[in-house]
Amino acid sequence: MDTHIQKLIKKFEGKKSLYEDFCLLINKLIENLLIEKKYKYQLFYRIKSTDRLKEKIKRKSKEKKIYKRLSDINDLAGIRIVFYLESEKEKFIEDLQKGLLNIVSTEEFKKNNGYRAKHIIVKMDQKRLQLSEYKKFKGLKCEIQLLSIFNHVWAELEHDWLYKNMHNLKNKNPGRYEIIKKQMKNIFKNYVKKLTSKFESIAKQIQ
């Protein structure tokens, strides 16, 4: 393994408990907001594993994106919020912008595989960082993924079956792998997108 990658991995492993504390704190702050604003949601959090970090650094290096330091990597701490409705994502971003956290960037993800989500990179706000118990989190970032519930279910299955290639199908039977890949895209287009749209329509009528 490249010396630079080894250094980044070692540095991350030394700071892993700090990232875990940071992620738990962000998770708690967000959960309080979701409860206060009466959202219907599911909330998940995770720290990137060492293996996944190695894979990401190598993959990005091949794409000519070089991480010089840990702070260049936005998703070492990650949170996913699953909303029942697509429109709730935009409402939540508005609530988040009212001073809870410092939003570094917001990006809409629409991948070729059908994945649809909003990714928000956040830091602790300056007011909190002045408090002694939060100073240690200065410079740390967390990626918040916002998905609707149908997108979440589809994305989890697609990630395990195709992206992670859990059953090694891509290597054992490439033809079958491509057929399943095409089927997953069709499911997203013909069912997930339509379901999401229909439930949004009903929600508007009720409101």
N, C-alpha and C. Protein backbone atom coordinates (compact mmCIF):
# COMPACT_ATOMS: atom_id res chain seq x y z
N MET A 1 0.84 -1.20 0.00
CA MET A 1 0.00 0.00 0.00
C MET A 1 0.87 1.25 0.00
N ASP A 2 0.45 2.28 -0.71
CA ASP A 2 1.17 3.55 -0.82
C ASP A 2 1.42 4.15 0.57
N THR A 3 2.62 4.72 0.77
CA THR A 3 3.00 5.29 2.07
C THR A 3 2.05 6.39 2.51
N HIS A 4 1.63 7.24 1.56
CA HIS A 4 0.71 8.33 1.88
C HIS A 4 -0.63 7.79 2.38
N ILE A 5 -1.12 6.75 1.74
CA ILE A 5 -2.39 6.14 2.17
C ILE A 5 -2.24 5.56 3.56
N GLN A 6 -1.11 4.91 3.81
CA GLN A 6 -0.84 4.32 5.13
C GLN A 6 -0.87 5.40 6.22
N LYS A 7 -0.29 6.56 5.92
CA LYS A 7 -0.26 7.66 6.89
C LYS A 7 -1.66 8.17 7.20
N LEU A 8 -2.49 8.32 6.14
CA LEU A 8 -3.87 8.78 6.33
C LEU A 8 -4.67 7.78 7.17
N ILE A 9 -4.50 6.49 6.85
CA ILE A 9 -5.21 5.44 7.58
C ILE A 9 -4.81 5.44 9.06
N LYS A 10 -3.50 5.55 9.30
CA LYS A 10 -3.00 5.55 10.68
C LYS A 10 -3.53 6.75 11.45
N LYS A 11 -3.56 7.91 10.79
CA LYS A 11 -4.07 9.12 11.43
C LYS A 11 -5.55 8.98 11.76
N PHE A 12 -6.30 8.37 10.83
CA PHE A 12 -7.73 8.17 11.05
C PHE A 12 -7.97 7.21 12.22
N GLU A 13 -7.20 6.12 12.25
CA GLU A 13 -7.36 5.16 13.34
C GLU A 13 -7.06 5.78 14.70
N GLY A 14 -6.11 6.73 14.71
CA GLY A 14 -5.79 7.43 15.95
C GLY A 14 -6.88 8.39 16.39
N LYS A 15 -7.69 8.84 15.43
CA LYS A 15 -8.75 9.82 15.74
C LYS A 15 -10.15 9.20 15.69
N LYS A 16 -10.21 7.89 15.55
CA LYS A 16 -11.51 7.25 15.34
C LYS A 16 -12.49 7.50 16.49
N SER A 17 -12.02 7.43 17.71
CA SER A 17 -12.91 7.66 18.86
C SER A 17 -13.41 9.10 18.89
N LEU A 18 -12.57 10.05 18.42
CA LEU A 18 -12.99 11.44 18.34
C LEU A 18 -14.12 11.59 17.31
N TYR A 19 -13.95 10.94 16.15
CA TYR A 19 -14.99 10.98 15.12
C TYR A 19 -16.28 10.31 15.60
N GLU A 20 -16.16 9.25 16.39
CA GLU A 20 -17.33 8.58 16.93
C GLU A 20 -18.11 9.51 17.87
N ASP A 21 -17.38 10.21 18.74
CA ASP A 21 -18.02 11.17 19.65
C ASP A 21 -18.69 12.30 18.87
N PHE A 22 -17.98 12.77 17.84
CA PHE A 22 -18.50 13.85 17.00
C PHE A 22 -19.79 13.41 16.29
N CYS A 23 -19.75 12.21 15.71
CA CYS A 23 -20.91 11.70 14.98
C CYS A 23 -22.11 11.51 15.90
N LEU A 24 -21.88 11.00 17.09
CA LEU A 24 -22.96 10.82 18.07
C LEU A 24 -23.58 12.16 18.46
N LEU A 25 -22.73 13.16 18.62
CA LEU A 25 -23.23 14.49 18.98
C LEU A 25 -24.08 15.08 17.87
N ILE A 26 -23.59 15.03 16.62
CA ILE A 26 -24.35 15.55 15.49
C ILE A 26 -25.67 14.79 15.36
N ASN A 27 -25.61 13.49 15.54
CA ASN A 27 -26.81 12.65 15.47
C ASN A 27 -27.85 13.10 16.51
N LYS A 28 -27.38 13.38 17.71
CA LYS A 28 -28.29 13.81 18.79
C LYS A 28 -28.91 15.17 18.48
N LEU A 29 -28.09 16.11 17.99
CA LEU A 29 -28.59 17.44 17.66
C LEU A 29 -29.66 17.35 16.56
N ILE A 30 -29.39 16.53 15.56
CA ILE A 30 -30.33 16.38 14.45
C ILE A 30 -31.61 15.69 14.91
N GLU A 31 -31.46 14.67 15.75
CA GLU A 31 -32.65 13.97 16.24
C GLU A 31 -33.55 14.90 17.04
N ASN A 32 -32.94 15.76 17.86
CA ASN A 32 -33.72 16.74 18.62
C ASN A 32 -34.52 17.65 17.69
N LEU A 33 -33.87 18.08 16.60
CA LEU A 33 -34.54 18.95 15.62
C LEU A 33 -35.70 18.21 14.94
N LEU A 34 -35.46 16.97 14.55
CA LEU A 34 -36.49 16.17 13.87
C LEU A 34 -37.71 15.96 14.77
N ILE A 35 -37.45 15.72 16.05
CA ILE A 35 -38.54 15.52 17.01
C ILE A 35 -39.29 16.82 17.24
N GLU A 36 -38.53 17.89 17.43
CA GLU A 36 -39.14 19.21 17.68
C GLU A 36 -40.06 19.64 16.54
N LYS A 37 -39.62 19.38 15.28
CA LYS A 37 -40.40 19.80 14.11
C LYS A 37 -41.40 18.75 13.65
N LYS A 38 -41.50 17.66 14.43
CA LYS A 38 -42.50 16.62 14.18
C LYS A 38 -42.39 15.95 12.80
N TYR A 39 -41.17 15.66 12.39
CA TYR A 39 -40.95 14.92 11.15
C TYR A 39 -41.23 13.43 11.38
N LYS A 40 -41.63 12.76 10.31
CA LYS A 40 -41.63 11.30 10.31
C LYS A 40 -40.31 10.88 9.65
N TYR A 41 -39.54 10.09 10.34
CA TYR A 41 -38.18 9.83 9.85
C TYR A 41 -37.62 8.52 10.40
N GLN A 42 -36.54 8.10 9.79
CA GLN A 42 -35.65 7.07 10.34
C GLN A 42 -34.25 7.66 10.30
N LEU A 43 -33.47 7.39 11.33
CA LEU A 43 -32.17 8.04 11.46
C LEU A 43 -31.07 6.98 11.69
N PHE A 44 -30.01 7.09 10.90
CA PHE A 44 -28.90 6.15 11.00
C PHE A 44 -27.58 6.94 11.05
N TYR A 45 -26.60 6.41 11.76
CA TYR A 45 -25.29 7.06 11.73
C TYR A 45 -24.19 6.00 11.69
N ARG A 46 -23.02 6.39 11.18
CA ARG A 46 -21.90 5.47 11.10
C ARG A 46 -20.59 6.22 10.95
N ILE A 47 -19.52 5.58 11.40
CA ILE A 47 -18.16 6.05 11.15
C ILE A 47 -17.60 5.18 10.03
N LYS A 48 -16.92 5.78 9.08
CA LYS A 48 -16.38 5.01 7.96
C LYS A 48 -15.38 3.97 8.48
N SER A 49 -15.51 2.74 8.00
CA SER A 49 -14.58 1.68 8.41
C SER A 49 -13.23 1.91 7.74
N THR A 50 -12.20 1.33 8.32
CA THR A 50 -10.85 1.45 7.76
C THR A 50 -10.79 0.89 6.35
N ASP A 51 -11.42 -0.26 6.13
CA ASP A 51 -11.41 -0.88 4.80
C ASP A 51 -12.09 0.01 3.77
N ARG A 52 -13.24 0.59 4.14
CA ARG A 52 -13.96 1.47 3.22
C ARG A 52 -13.16 2.73 2.92
N LEU A 53 -12.43 3.20 3.93
CA LEU A 53 -11.60 4.40 3.74
C LEU A 53 -10.46 4.10 2.76
N LYS A 54 -9.81 2.96 2.94
CA LYS A 54 -8.74 2.55 2.01
C LYS A 54 -9.28 2.48 0.59
N GLU A 55 -10.42 1.83 0.44
CA GLU A 55 -11.03 1.66 -0.89
C GLU A 55 -11.34 3.01 -1.51
N LYS A 56 -11.86 3.94 -0.69
CA LYS A 56 -12.22 5.26 -1.23
C LYS A 56 -10.99 6.04 -1.67
N ILE A 57 -9.95 6.04 -0.85
CA ILE A 57 -8.73 6.78 -1.19
C ILE A 57 -8.12 6.26 -2.48
N LYS A 58 -8.08 4.93 -2.62
CA LYS A 58 -7.52 4.31 -3.84
C LYS A 58 -8.37 4.64 -5.06
N ARG A 59 -9.71 4.54 -4.89
CA ARG A 59 -10.62 4.80 -6.02
C ARG A 59 -10.51 6.24 -6.47
N LYS A 60 -10.48 7.16 -5.51
CA LYS A 60 -10.40 8.58 -5.86
C LYS A 60 -9.05 8.93 -6.48
N SER A 61 -8.02 8.22 -6.03
CA SER A 61 -6.68 8.44 -6.59
C SER A 61 -6.66 8.10 -8.08
N LYS A 62 -7.35 7.00 -8.44
CA LYS A 62 -7.45 6.61 -9.85
C LYS A 62 -8.22 7.65 -10.66
N GLU A 63 -9.13 8.37 -9.98
CA GLU A 63 -9.92 9.42 -10.64
C GLU A 63 -9.19 10.77 -10.57
N LYS A 64 -7.92 10.75 -10.17
CA LYS A 64 -7.05 11.94 -10.09
C LYS A 64 -7.45 12.90 -8.97
N LYS A 65 -8.17 12.39 -7.96
CA LYS A 65 -8.48 13.21 -6.78
C LYS A 65 -7.63 12.69 -5.63
N ILE A 66 -6.70 13.49 -5.16
CA ILE A 66 -5.76 13.08 -4.12
C ILE A 66 -6.13 13.75 -2.80
N TYR A 67 -6.33 12.93 -1.77
CA TYR A 67 -6.57 13.46 -0.43
C TYR A 67 -5.24 13.68 0.26
N LYS A 68 -4.91 14.93 0.55
CA LYS A 68 -3.64 15.25 1.18
C LYS A 68 -3.70 15.10 2.70
N ARG A 69 -4.89 15.34 3.25
CA ARG A 69 -5.07 15.24 4.70
C ARG A 69 -6.46 14.72 5.02
N LEU A 70 -6.69 14.29 6.24
CA LEU A 70 -7.99 13.73 6.64
C LEU A 70 -9.12 14.74 6.46
N SER A 71 -8.82 16.01 6.70
CA SER A 71 -9.85 17.05 6.61
C SER A 71 -10.37 17.24 5.18
N ASP A 72 -9.68 16.66 4.20
CA ASP A 72 -10.15 16.72 2.81
C ASP A 72 -11.29 15.73 2.56
N ILE A 73 -11.47 14.78 3.47
CA ILE A 73 -12.48 13.72 3.31
C ILE A 73 -13.72 14.09 4.13
N ASN A 74 -14.82 14.28 3.44
CA ASN A 74 -16.02 14.83 4.09
C ASN A 74 -16.89 13.81 4.82
N ASP A 75 -16.74 12.52 4.51
CA ASP A 75 -17.71 11.56 5.01
C ASP A 75 -17.13 10.52 5.98
N LEU A 76 -16.10 10.91 6.74
CA LEU A 76 -15.57 10.00 7.75
C LEU A 76 -16.63 9.75 8.82
N ALA A 77 -17.40 10.78 9.12
CA ALA A 77 -18.59 10.64 9.96
C ALA A 77 -19.80 10.82 9.04
N GLY A 78 -20.76 9.94 9.17
CA GLY A 78 -21.91 10.02 8.27
C GLY A 78 -23.23 9.76 8.96
N ILE A 79 -24.25 10.50 8.53
CA ILE A 79 -25.61 10.32 9.04
C ILE A 79 -26.55 10.23 7.85
N ARG A 80 -27.52 9.33 7.94
CA ARG A 80 -28.55 9.24 6.90
C ARG A 80 -29.92 9.47 7.55
N ILE A 81 -30.67 10.39 6.97
CA ILE A 81 -32.04 10.63 7.42
C ILE A 81 -32.98 10.19 6.32
N VAL A 82 -33.87 9.28 6.66
CA VAL A 82 -34.84 8.77 5.70
C VAL A 82 -36.19 9.39 6.02
N PHE A 83 -36.71 10.17 5.07
CA PHE A 83 -38.01 10.82 5.23
C PHE A 83 -39.09 10.02 4.50
N TYR A 84 -40.32 10.15 4.95
CA TYR A 84 -41.42 9.44 4.29
C TYR A 84 -41.77 10.10 2.96
N LEU A 85 -41.53 11.43 2.87
CA LEU A 85 -41.85 12.17 1.66
C LEU A 85 -40.62 12.89 1.12
N GLU A 86 -40.53 13.00 -0.18
CA GLU A 86 -39.43 13.70 -0.83
C GLU A 86 -39.40 15.18 -0.44
N SER A 87 -40.56 15.78 -0.33
CA SER A 87 -40.65 17.22 -0.02
C SER A 87 -40.13 17.55 1.38
N GLU A 88 -40.13 16.56 2.27
CA GLU A 88 -39.65 16.78 3.63
C GLU A 88 -38.15 17.10 3.64
N LYS A 89 -37.43 16.62 2.63
CA LYS A 89 -35.99 16.88 2.55
C LYS A 89 -35.71 18.37 2.47
N GLU A 90 -36.44 19.08 1.59
CA GLU A 90 -36.23 20.52 1.42
C GLU A 90 -36.62 21.29 2.68
N LYS A 91 -37.70 20.86 3.29
CA LYS A 91 -38.16 21.51 4.53
C LYS A 91 -37.12 21.35 5.63
N PHE A 92 -36.52 20.16 5.70
CA PHE A 92 -35.52 19.91 6.72
C PHE A 92 -34.29 20.79 6.52
N ILE A 93 -33.85 20.96 5.27
CA ILE A 93 -32.69 21.81 4.98
C ILE A 93 -32.95 23.25 5.46
N GLU A 94 -34.16 23.73 5.24
CA GLU A 94 -34.53 25.07 5.72
C GLU A 94 -34.41 25.16 7.24
N ASP A 95 -34.89 24.12 7.93
CA ASP A 95 -34.81 24.11 9.40
C ASP A 95 -33.36 24.03 9.86
N LEU A 96 -32.55 23.26 9.15
CA LEU A 96 -31.15 23.09 9.52
C LEU A 96 -30.36 24.39 9.35
N GLN A 97 -30.76 25.20 8.41
CA GLN A 97 -30.05 26.45 8.12
C GLN A 97 -30.30 27.54 9.17
N LYS A 98 -31.18 27.25 10.11
CA LYS A 98 -31.52 28.27 11.12
C LYS A 98 -30.59 28.22 12.33
N GLY A 99 -29.31 27.92 12.07
CA GLY A 99 -28.29 28.07 13.11
C GLY A 99 -27.93 26.84 13.89
N LEU A 100 -28.53 25.67 13.58
CA LEU A 100 -28.21 24.47 14.34
C LEU A 100 -26.76 24.04 14.10
N LEU A 101 -26.36 24.03 12.83
CA LEU A 101 -25.00 23.64 12.44
C LEU A 101 -24.53 24.55 11.32
N ASN A 102 -23.23 24.51 11.07
CA ASN A 102 -22.66 25.29 9.97
C ASN A 102 -22.66 24.43 8.71
N ILE A 103 -23.47 24.79 7.72
CA ILE A 103 -23.54 24.03 6.48
C ILE A 103 -22.40 24.44 5.55
N VAL A 104 -21.53 23.49 5.24
CA VAL A 104 -20.38 23.76 4.37
C VAL A 104 -20.80 23.68 2.91
N SER A 105 -21.57 22.65 2.55
CA SER A 105 -22.01 22.48 1.16
C SER A 105 -23.25 21.61 1.11
N THR A 106 -24.01 21.79 0.02
CA THR A 106 -25.20 20.97 -0.25
C THR A 106 -25.11 20.51 -1.70
N GLU A 107 -25.32 19.22 -1.91
CA GLU A 107 -25.20 18.67 -3.27
C GLU A 107 -26.31 17.67 -3.55
N GLU A 108 -26.88 17.79 -4.74
CA GLU A 108 -27.91 16.84 -5.18
C GLU A 108 -27.21 15.71 -5.93
N PHE A 109 -27.47 14.47 -5.50
CA PHE A 109 -26.87 13.31 -6.15
C PHE A 109 -27.90 12.60 -7.00
N LYS A 110 -27.60 12.49 -8.29
CA LYS A 110 -28.43 11.72 -9.22
C LYS A 110 -27.50 10.84 -10.04
N LYS A 111 -27.22 9.67 -9.53
CA LYS A 111 -26.27 8.78 -10.19
C LYS A 111 -26.95 7.96 -11.28
N ASN A 112 -26.13 7.46 -12.18
CA ASN A 112 -26.64 6.65 -13.30
C ASN A 112 -27.35 5.39 -12.84
N ASN A 113 -26.97 4.88 -11.65
CA ASN A 113 -27.60 3.66 -11.15
C ASN A 113 -29.02 3.91 -10.59
N GLY A 114 -29.42 5.20 -10.51
CA GLY A 114 -30.75 5.51 -10.01
C GLY A 114 -30.75 6.16 -8.64
N TYR A 115 -29.60 6.15 -7.95
CA TYR A 115 -29.51 6.72 -6.60
C TYR A 115 -29.88 8.21 -6.62
N ARG A 116 -30.80 8.59 -5.74
CA ARG A 116 -31.23 9.98 -5.62
C ARG A 116 -31.16 10.40 -4.16
N ALA A 117 -30.39 11.44 -3.87
CA ALA A 117 -30.28 11.91 -2.48
C ALA A 117 -29.69 13.31 -2.44
N LYS A 118 -29.92 13.99 -1.34
CA LYS A 118 -29.24 15.25 -1.05
C LYS A 118 -28.16 14.97 -0.03
N HIS A 119 -26.95 15.42 -0.29
CA HIS A 119 -25.85 15.26 0.65
C HIS A 119 -25.47 16.64 1.19
N ILE A 120 -25.45 16.77 2.51
CA ILE A 120 -25.10 18.03 3.14
C ILE A 120 -23.86 17.80 4.01
N ILE A 121 -22.86 18.65 3.85
CA ILE A 121 -21.66 18.58 4.69
C ILE A 121 -21.79 19.66 5.76
N VAL A 122 -21.64 19.24 7.04
CA VAL A 122 -21.80 20.19 8.14
C VAL A 122 -20.60 20.17 9.08
N LYS A 123 -20.44 21.29 9.78
CA LYS A 123 -19.47 21.41 10.87
C LYS A 123 -20.22 21.94 12.09
N MET A 124 -19.56 21.89 13.24
CA MET A 124 -20.12 22.53 14.42
C MET A 124 -20.13 24.04 14.19
N ASP A 125 -21.16 24.72 14.68
CA ASP A 125 -21.20 26.17 14.53
C ASP A 125 -20.22 26.82 15.52
N GLN A 126 -19.78 28.03 15.18
CA GLN A 126 -18.74 28.72 15.96
C GLN A 126 -19.14 28.93 17.41
N LYS A 127 -20.43 29.17 17.64
CA LYS A 127 -20.90 29.42 19.01
C LYS A 127 -20.65 28.21 19.90
N ARG A 128 -20.94 27.02 19.37
CA ARG A 128 -20.72 25.80 20.15
C ARG A 128 -19.23 25.50 20.31
N LEU A 129 -18.45 25.78 19.27
CA LEU A 129 -17.02 25.48 19.32
C LEU A 129 -16.29 26.29 20.39
N GLN A 130 -16.89 27.38 20.84
CA GLN A 130 -16.29 28.19 21.90
C GLN A 130 -16.44 27.54 23.27
N LEU A 131 -17.37 26.58 23.36
CA LEU A 131 -17.58 25.88 24.63
C LEU A 131 -16.50 24.81 24.79
N SER A 132 -15.98 24.66 26.01
CA SER A 132 -14.84 23.77 26.26
C SER A 132 -15.10 22.33 25.83
N GLU A 133 -16.33 21.82 26.00
CA GLU A 133 -16.62 20.42 25.68
C GLU A 133 -16.69 20.15 24.18
N TYR A 134 -16.79 21.23 23.37
CA TYR A 134 -16.91 21.06 21.92
C TYR A 134 -15.66 21.47 21.15
N LYS A 135 -14.69 22.08 21.81
CA LYS A 135 -13.49 22.59 21.12
C LYS A 135 -12.75 21.49 20.35
N LYS A 136 -12.78 20.28 20.89
CA LYS A 136 -12.06 19.17 20.26
C LYS A 136 -12.61 18.80 18.88
N PHE A 137 -13.84 19.27 18.57
CA PHE A 137 -14.46 18.92 17.29
C PHE A 137 -14.19 19.95 16.19
N LYS A 138 -13.36 20.94 16.49
CA LYS A 138 -13.05 21.98 15.50
C LYS A 138 -12.43 21.35 14.26
N GLY A 139 -12.96 21.70 13.08
CA GLY A 139 -12.42 21.21 11.81
C GLY A 139 -13.03 19.90 11.34
N LEU A 140 -13.74 19.20 12.22
CA LEU A 140 -14.35 17.94 11.82
C LEU A 140 -15.63 18.18 11.01
N LYS A 141 -15.85 17.31 10.02
CA LYS A 141 -17.03 17.44 9.16
C LYS A 141 -17.84 16.15 9.19
N CYS A 142 -19.12 16.30 8.93
CA CYS A 142 -20.01 15.16 8.89
C CYS A 142 -20.88 15.26 7.63
N GLU A 143 -21.04 14.14 6.95
CA GLU A 143 -21.91 14.11 5.77
C GLU A 143 -23.31 13.64 6.19
N ILE A 144 -24.31 14.44 5.87
CA ILE A 144 -25.70 14.06 6.14
C ILE A 144 -26.36 13.73 4.81
N GLN A 145 -26.85 12.50 4.69
CA GLN A 145 -27.55 12.08 3.48
C GLN A 145 -29.06 12.13 3.73
N LEU A 146 -29.78 12.79 2.84
CA LEU A 146 -31.23 12.89 2.95
C LEU A 146 -31.87 12.09 1.82
N LEU A 147 -32.69 11.10 2.18
CA LEU A 147 -33.36 10.27 1.18
C LEU A 147 -34.82 10.09 1.56
N SER A 148 -35.65 9.85 0.56
CA SER A 148 -37.02 9.43 0.83
C SER A 148 -37.00 7.93 1.08
N ILE A 149 -38.03 7.41 1.70
CA ILE A 149 -38.01 6.02 2.18
C ILE A 149 -37.88 5.00 1.05
N PHE A 150 -38.54 5.25 -0.09
CA PHE A 150 -38.44 4.29 -1.20
C PHE A 150 -37.04 4.30 -1.81
N ASN A 151 -36.46 5.49 -1.91
CA ASN A 151 -35.08 5.60 -2.40
C ASN A 151 -34.10 4.90 -1.47
N HIS A 152 -34.36 5.00 -0.19
CA HIS A 152 -33.47 4.37 0.81
C HIS A 152 -33.46 2.86 0.66
N VAL A 153 -34.65 2.26 0.59
CA VAL A 153 -34.74 0.79 0.45
C VAL A 153 -34.05 0.34 -0.83
N TRP A 154 -34.34 1.04 -1.93
CA TRP A 154 -33.74 0.68 -3.21
C TRP A 154 -32.21 0.83 -3.16
N ALA A 155 -31.75 1.93 -2.57
CA ALA A 155 -30.31 2.21 -2.51
C ALA A 155 -29.56 1.17 -1.68
N GLU A 156 -30.18 0.73 -0.57
CA GLU A 156 -29.54 -0.27 0.28
C GLU A 156 -29.36 -1.59 -0.47
N LEU A 157 -30.40 -2.01 -1.19
CA LEU A 157 -30.32 -3.27 -1.94
C LEU A 157 -29.33 -3.15 -3.09
N GLU A 158 -29.40 -2.03 -3.82
CA GLU A 158 -28.49 -1.82 -4.95
C GLU A 158 -27.04 -1.79 -4.47
N HIS A 159 -26.81 -1.16 -3.32
CA HIS A 159 -25.46 -1.04 -2.77
C HIS A 159 -24.89 -2.42 -2.42
N ASP A 160 -25.70 -3.26 -1.78
CA ASP A 160 -25.23 -4.59 -1.36
C ASP A 160 -25.10 -5.55 -2.55
N TRP A 161 -26.09 -5.56 -3.40
CA TRP A 161 -26.12 -6.54 -4.50
C TRP A 161 -25.18 -6.20 -5.64
N LEU A 162 -25.09 -4.89 -5.96
CA LEU A 162 -24.31 -4.50 -7.13
C LEU A 162 -23.01 -3.78 -6.78
N TYR A 163 -23.12 -2.70 -6.00
CA TYR A 163 -21.92 -1.91 -5.70
C TYR A 163 -20.91 -2.71 -4.88
N LYS A 164 -21.37 -3.32 -3.79
CA LYS A 164 -20.46 -4.11 -2.95
C LYS A 164 -20.23 -5.50 -3.52
N ASN A 165 -21.12 -5.94 -4.43
CA ASN A 165 -20.98 -7.25 -5.07
C ASN A 165 -20.84 -8.35 -4.00
N MET A 166 -21.78 -8.33 -3.04
CA MET A 166 -21.71 -9.20 -1.87
C MET A 166 -21.57 -10.68 -2.21
N HIS A 167 -22.25 -11.13 -3.24
CA HIS A 167 -22.23 -12.56 -3.57
C HIS A 167 -21.25 -12.89 -4.69
N ASN A 168 -20.38 -11.91 -5.01
CA ASN A 168 -19.34 -12.09 -6.02
C ASN A 168 -19.91 -12.45 -7.40
N LEU A 169 -21.16 -12.04 -7.65
CA LEU A 169 -21.81 -12.37 -8.92
C LEU A 169 -21.10 -11.72 -10.11
N LYS A 170 -20.59 -10.50 -9.88
CA LYS A 170 -19.93 -9.76 -10.97
C LYS A 170 -18.76 -10.54 -11.55
N ASN A 171 -18.06 -11.28 -10.68
CA ASN A 171 -16.91 -12.06 -11.13
C ASN A 171 -17.31 -13.46 -11.60
N LYS A 172 -18.28 -14.07 -10.90
CA LYS A 172 -18.68 -15.44 -11.22
C LYS A 172 -19.52 -15.52 -12.49
N ASN A 173 -20.39 -14.50 -12.68
CA ASN A 173 -21.30 -14.53 -13.83
C ASN A 173 -21.59 -13.09 -14.29
N PRO A 174 -20.63 -12.47 -15.01
CA PRO A 174 -20.78 -11.07 -15.44
C PRO A 174 -22.06 -10.81 -16.23
N GLY A 175 -22.48 -11.77 -17.05
CA GLY A 175 -23.70 -11.60 -17.84
C GLY A 175 -24.92 -11.47 -16.97
N ARG A 176 -25.02 -12.36 -15.97
CA ARG A 176 -26.14 -12.31 -15.02
C ARG A 176 -26.11 -11.02 -14.21
N TYR A 177 -24.92 -10.58 -13.83
CA TYR A 177 -24.75 -9.33 -13.08
C TYR A 177 -25.32 -8.15 -13.87
N GLU A 178 -25.01 -8.07 -15.17
CA GLU A 178 -25.50 -6.98 -16.00
C GLU A 178 -27.02 -7.02 -16.16
N ILE A 179 -27.59 -8.22 -16.24
CA ILE A 179 -29.05 -8.37 -16.35
C ILE A 179 -29.72 -7.83 -15.08
N ILE A 180 -29.17 -8.20 -13.91
CA ILE A 180 -29.73 -7.74 -12.64
C ILE A 180 -29.57 -6.22 -12.50
N LYS A 181 -28.44 -5.71 -12.96
CA LYS A 181 -28.19 -4.27 -12.93
C LYS A 181 -29.26 -3.53 -13.73
N LYS A 182 -29.60 -4.07 -14.88
CA LYS A 182 -30.63 -3.47 -15.74
C LYS A 182 -32.01 -3.57 -15.08
N GLN A 183 -32.27 -4.71 -14.44
CA GLN A 183 -33.55 -4.89 -13.74
C GLN A 183 -33.70 -3.89 -12.60
N MET A 184 -32.61 -3.65 -11.87
CA MET A 184 -32.66 -2.69 -10.77
C MET A 184 -32.95 -1.28 -11.27
N LYS A 185 -32.36 -0.91 -12.39
CA LYS A 185 -32.64 0.41 -12.98
C LYS A 185 -34.10 0.54 -13.37
N ASN A 186 -34.65 -0.54 -13.94
CA ASN A 186 -36.06 -0.53 -14.34
C ASN A 186 -36.98 -0.43 -13.14
N ILE A 187 -36.62 -1.11 -12.06
CA ILE A 187 -37.43 -1.04 -10.83
C ILE A 187 -37.45 0.40 -10.32
N PHE A 188 -36.28 1.04 -10.34
CA PHE A 188 -36.22 2.43 -9.86
C PHE A 188 -37.09 3.33 -10.73
N LYS A 189 -36.95 3.20 -12.04
CA LYS A 189 -37.67 4.06 -12.98
C LYS A 189 -39.18 3.82 -12.95
N ASN A 190 -39.59 2.56 -12.94
CA ASN A 190 -41.01 2.22 -13.10
C ASN A 190 -41.79 2.13 -11.80
N TYR A 191 -41.08 1.97 -10.68
CA TYR A 191 -41.81 1.80 -9.41
C TYR A 191 -41.41 2.83 -8.36
N VAL A 192 -40.10 2.93 -8.07
CA VAL A 192 -39.67 3.82 -7.00
C VAL A 192 -40.03 5.28 -7.30
N LYS A 193 -39.65 5.75 -8.50
CA LYS A 193 -39.96 7.14 -8.88
C LYS A 193 -41.46 7.40 -8.90
N LYS A 194 -42.23 6.43 -9.43
CA LYS A 194 -43.68 6.60 -9.53
C LYS A 194 -44.35 6.60 -8.16
N LEU A 195 -43.91 5.69 -7.28
CA LEU A 195 -44.46 5.64 -5.93
C LEU A 195 -44.21 6.96 -5.19
N THR A 196 -42.97 7.43 -5.28
CA THR A 196 -42.59 8.68 -4.63
C THR A 196 -43.47 9.82 -5.11
N SER A 197 -43.66 9.91 -6.42
CA SER A 197 -44.46 10.97 -7.03
C SER A 197 -45.93 10.89 -6.59
N LYS A 198 -46.48 9.67 -6.55
CA LYS A 198 -47.90 9.49 -6.20
C LYS A 198 -48.16 9.86 -4.73
N PHE A 199 -47.26 9.47 -3.84
CA PHE A 199 -47.44 9.81 -2.43
C PHE A 199 -47.28 11.31 -2.20
N GLU A 200 -46.39 11.97 -2.95
CA GLU A 200 -46.25 13.42 -2.85
C GLU A 200 -47.55 14.10 -3.28
N SER A 201 -48.16 13.58 -4.32
CA SER A 201 -49.42 14.13 -4.82
C SER A 201 -50.53 14.03 -3.77
N ILE A 202 -50.61 12.87 -3.13
CA ILE A 202 -51.64 12.67 -2.09
C ILE A 202 -51.37 13.60 -0.90
N ALA A 203 -50.11 13.74 -0.51
CA ALA A 203 -49.75 14.59 0.61
C ALA A 203 -50.18 16.04 0.35
N LYS A 204 -50.00 16.50 -0.87
CA LYS A 204 -50.40 17.88 -1.23
C LYS A 204 -51.91 18.05 -1.11
N GLN A 205 -52.65 17.02 -1.53
CA GLN A 205 -54.12 17.10 -1.45
C GLN A 205 -54.57 17.19 0.01
N ILE A 206 -53.91 16.44 0.87
CA ILE A 206 -54.27 16.43 2.30
C ILE A 206 -53.94 17.77 2.94
N GLN A 207 -52.78 18.32 2.57
CA GLN A 207 -52.33 19.60 3.16
C GLN A 207 -53.18 20.76 2.68
